[in-house]
Amino acid sequence: MAERARVTSVDALDAFRSNLIVYLSKARPTLEEVSSDVMRTRVWLEDEQRTYWQNQLRVRSRALEEAQQELFSARISNFRDESAAEVMAFRRAKQQVEEAQAKLRLVKTWARDFDHRVQPLLKQIEKLHTVLSNDMVKAAAHLAEAIKTLHAYAGIAPPLQAGLAPETRPDVSAEAEAADTAAPQTQGGVK
């Protein structure tokens, strides 16, 4: 028969269980926050940014048209020549329109590719959330039962090992020795 298990510190299991519960109380809200951040990012990208850059493109296109008309008017006018400021304003307006077009293309690309890039990561987060919500809660409950069982087990007097003197037997206390001498012997010296 195997030796008795040596339970030296049930407190270590209890401390681990407490730390697991604290971890779960912090990890689950964090994962929920990450999931909501992903949703907010999707809305920001598809709605807010697209609308913003579409409006910017319209405003900047109007500014480009105005700068272009002023430059054209100055070129065909007999009274004055085009100024450097008008040329600079036209170039700046053209550059801003090109920037808005590039940003809008980029936003559309990201909106189209967002789910493909984020979905695998989001699935991993959902799996982790499921593990934390279900499996780890069960693990904490199992640890509580194990701690309870180990406390009950540690409270039972150890069985005496036949053939060993009381001073050489492991885990034998004075109470167990007294119980050993008072208990009747069974056949073959095994109790």
Protein backbone atom coordinates (compact mmCIF):
# COMPACT_ATOMS: atom_id res chain seq x y z
CA MET A 1 0.00 0.00 0.00
CA ALA A 2 1.28 3.49 -0.80
CA GLU A 3 2.44 5.85 1.88
CA ARG A 4 0.13 8.48 3.18
CA ALA A 5 0.09 11.69 1.18
CA ARG A 6 2.04 14.41 2.91
CA VAL A 7 -0.14 17.44 2.91
CA THR A 8 2.14 20.18 4.14
CA SER A 9 0.35 23.33 3.04
CA VAL A 10 -3.25 23.52 2.03
CA ASP A 11 -2.78 27.25 2.47
CA ALA A 12 -0.73 27.33 -0.76
CA LEU A 13 -3.71 25.92 -2.67
CA ASP A 14 -6.00 28.37 -0.94
CA ALA A 15 -3.69 31.27 -1.86
CA PHE A 16 -3.56 30.04 -5.46
CA ARG A 17 -7.35 29.85 -5.56
CA SER A 18 -7.60 33.39 -4.19
CA ASN A 19 -5.13 34.65 -6.80
CA LEU A 20 -7.08 32.84 -9.53
CA ILE A 21 -10.29 34.54 -8.44
CA VAL A 22 -8.58 37.96 -8.43
CA TYR A 23 -7.15 37.24 -11.89
CA LEU A 24 -10.56 36.25 -13.21
CA SER A 25 -12.15 39.37 -11.75
CA LYS A 26 -9.62 41.50 -13.67
CA ALA A 27 -9.22 39.48 -16.88
CA ARG A 28 -12.88 39.12 -17.85
CA PRO A 29 -13.67 42.86 -17.78
CA THR A 30 -10.47 43.53 -19.69
CA LEU A 31 -11.45 41.11 -22.44
CA GLU A 32 -14.93 42.62 -22.59
CA GLU A 33 -13.35 46.05 -22.91
CA VAL A 34 -11.12 44.85 -25.76
CA SER A 35 -14.16 43.43 -27.57
CA SER A 36 -16.05 46.68 -27.17
CA ASP A 37 -12.99 48.62 -28.38
CA VAL A 38 -12.97 46.51 -31.53
CA MET A 39 -16.64 47.32 -32.12
CA ARG A 40 -16.05 51.03 -31.49
CA THR A 41 -13.11 50.98 -33.90
CA ARG A 42 -15.25 49.36 -36.58
CA VAL A 43 -17.96 52.02 -36.15
CA TRP A 44 -15.35 54.79 -36.10
CA LEU A 45 -13.74 53.48 -39.26
CA GLU A 46 -16.87 52.71 -41.24
CA ASP A 47 -19.02 55.65 -40.18
CA GLU A 48 -17.13 58.52 -38.64
CA GLN A 49 -13.93 58.46 -40.67
CA ARG A 50 -15.61 57.74 -43.97
CA THR A 51 -18.07 60.59 -43.43
CA TYR A 52 -15.32 62.92 -42.23
CA TRP A 53 -13.07 62.35 -45.25
CA GLN A 54 -15.98 62.49 -47.70
CA ASN A 55 -16.91 65.89 -46.28
CA GLN A 56 -13.27 67.00 -46.33
CA LEU A 57 -12.99 65.95 -49.97
CA ARG A 58 -16.07 68.03 -50.83
CA VAL A 59 -14.81 71.09 -48.94
CA ARG A 60 -11.31 70.82 -50.34
CA SER A 61 -12.62 70.26 -53.88
CA ARG A 62 -14.65 73.48 -53.60
CA ALA A 63 -11.56 75.32 -52.35
CA LEU A 64 -9.57 73.89 -55.28
CA GLU A 65 -12.22 75.02 -57.75
CA GLU A 66 -12.18 78.52 -56.28
CA ALA A 67 -8.38 78.72 -56.38
CA GLN A 68 -8.40 77.37 -59.93
CA GLN A 69 -10.97 79.97 -61.04
CA GLU A 70 -9.00 82.80 -59.44
CA LEU A 71 -5.84 81.62 -61.18
CA PHE A 72 -7.66 81.25 -64.50
CA SER A 73 -9.23 84.71 -64.12
CA ALA A 74 -5.83 86.22 -63.44
CA ARG A 75 -4.37 84.55 -66.54
CA ILE A 76 -7.03 85.79 -68.93
CA SER A 77 -7.33 89.21 -67.41
CA ASN A 78 -5.62 92.09 -69.19
CA PHE A 79 -5.40 94.20 -66.08
CA ARG A 80 -3.16 92.05 -63.95
CA ASP A 81 -0.86 89.04 -63.98
CA GLU A 82 -1.29 85.99 -61.84
CA SER A 83 0.38 86.39 -58.51
CA ALA A 84 2.63 83.94 -56.72
CA ALA A 85 0.09 83.79 -53.90
CA GLU A 86 -2.64 82.61 -56.29
CA VAL A 87 -0.35 79.93 -57.73
CA MET A 88 0.60 78.80 -54.22
CA ALA A 89 -3.05 78.74 -53.14
CA PHE A 90 -3.92 76.60 -56.15
CA ARG A 91 -1.07 74.16 -55.47
CA ARG A 92 -1.93 73.95 -51.77
CA ALA A 93 -5.62 73.33 -52.54
CA LYS A 94 -4.69 70.66 -55.09
CA GLN A 95 -2.40 68.96 -52.57
CA GLN A 96 -5.14 68.99 -49.92
CA VAL A 97 -7.62 67.42 -52.34
CA GLU A 98 -5.12 64.69 -53.18
CA GLU A 99 -4.52 64.09 -49.47
CA ALA A 100 -8.27 63.80 -48.81
CA GLN A 101 -8.65 61.38 -51.71
CA ALA A 102 -5.78 59.24 -50.43
CA LYS A 103 -7.22 59.24 -46.88
CA LEU A 104 -10.66 58.30 -48.16
CA ARG A 105 -9.20 55.43 -50.21
CA LEU A 106 -7.28 54.27 -47.14
CA VAL A 107 -10.37 54.43 -44.93
CA LYS A 108 -12.36 52.43 -47.49
CA THR A 109 -9.58 49.85 -47.71
CA TRP A 110 -9.41 49.47 -43.95
CA ALA A 111 -13.19 49.30 -43.64
CA ARG A 112 -13.23 46.52 -46.24
CA ASP A 113 -10.30 44.60 -44.70
CA PHE A 114 -11.06 45.26 -41.02
CA ASP A 115 -13.11 42.13 -40.40
CA HIS A 116 -10.64 39.88 -42.22
CA ARG A 117 -7.74 41.17 -40.16
CA VAL A 118 -9.46 41.45 -36.80
CA GLN A 119 -11.80 38.46 -36.84
CA PRO A 120 -9.15 35.76 -36.13
CA LEU A 121 -7.86 37.76 -33.18
CA LEU A 122 -11.37 38.43 -31.95
CA LYS A 123 -12.13 34.70 -32.07
CA GLN A 124 -9.10 34.03 -29.87
CA ILE A 125 -10.30 36.66 -27.41
CA GLU A 126 -13.76 35.07 -27.38
CA LYS A 127 -12.23 31.64 -26.72
CA LEU A 128 -10.19 33.05 -23.86
CA HIS A 129 -13.27 34.78 -22.50
CA THR A 130 -15.16 31.47 -22.63
CA VAL A 131 -12.33 29.70 -20.82
CA LEU A 132 -12.23 32.38 -18.16
CA SER A 133 -16.00 32.48 -17.75
CA ASN A 134 -16.62 28.74 -17.72
CA ASP A 135 -13.55 26.59 -17.23
CA MET A 136 -11.71 28.77 -14.75
CA VAL A 137 -14.81 29.29 -12.65
CA LYS A 138 -15.19 25.51 -12.51
CA ALA A 139 -11.48 25.23 -11.67
CA ALA A 140 -11.87 27.65 -8.76
CA ALA A 141 -14.84 25.62 -7.49
CA HIS A 142 -12.84 22.40 -7.91
CA LEU A 143 -9.95 23.94 -5.97
CA ALA A 144 -12.36 24.88 -3.18
CA GLU A 145 -13.56 21.27 -3.01
CA ALA A 146 -9.99 19.97 -3.11
CA ILE A 147 -9.02 22.29 -0.27
CA LYS A 148 -12.01 21.13 1.74
CA THR A 149 -11.12 17.49 1.05
CA LEU A 150 -7.46 18.02 1.95
CA HIS A 151 -8.42 19.73 5.20
CA ALA A 152 -10.60 16.76 6.06
CA TYR A 153 -7.85 14.35 5.00
CA ALA A 154 -5.18 16.14 7.02
CA GLY A 155 -7.42 15.92 10.10
CA ILE A 156 -7.52 12.09 9.99
CA ALA A 157 -4.90 10.26 12.04
CA PRO A 158 -2.38 8.52 9.80
CA PRO A 159 -2.43 4.73 9.56
CA LEU A 160 0.43 3.10 11.43
CA GLN A 161 3.02 1.33 9.41
CA ALA A 162 3.64 -2.21 10.59
CA GLY A 163 7.09 -3.22 11.68
CA LEU A 164 8.42 0.27 12.38
CA ALA A 165 9.19 1.59 15.81
CA PRO A 166 7.17 4.66 16.74
CA GLU A 167 10.22 6.92 16.61
CA THR A 168 11.14 5.78 13.04
CA ARG A 169 7.65 5.96 11.58
CA PRO A 170 7.05 9.10 9.52
CA ASP A 171 4.24 11.44 10.50
CA VAL A 172 3.52 9.70 13.79
CA SER A 173 2.57 11.99 16.60
CA ALA A 174 2.26 11.19 20.28
CA GLU A 175 -1.54 10.86 19.94
CA ALA A 176 -1.16 8.40 17.10
CA GLU A 177 1.32 6.41 19.21
CA ALA A 178 -1.16 6.22 22.06
CA ALA A 179 -3.86 5.09 19.66
CA ASP A 180 -1.44 2.48 18.30
CA THR A 181 -0.80 0.88 21.67
CA ALA A 182 -4.50 0.93 22.62
CA ALA A 183 -5.72 -0.61 19.34
CA PRO A 184 -5.99 -4.42 19.21
CA GLN A 185 -3.70 -6.27 16.84
CA THR A 186 -5.28 -8.16 13.94
CA GLN A 187 -3.98 -11.29 12.37
CA GLY A 188 -0.46 -10.94 10.98
CA GLY A 189 0.25 -7.68 12.82
CA VAL A 190 -1.60 -5.52 10.31
CA LYS A 191 -4.22 -3.17 11.65
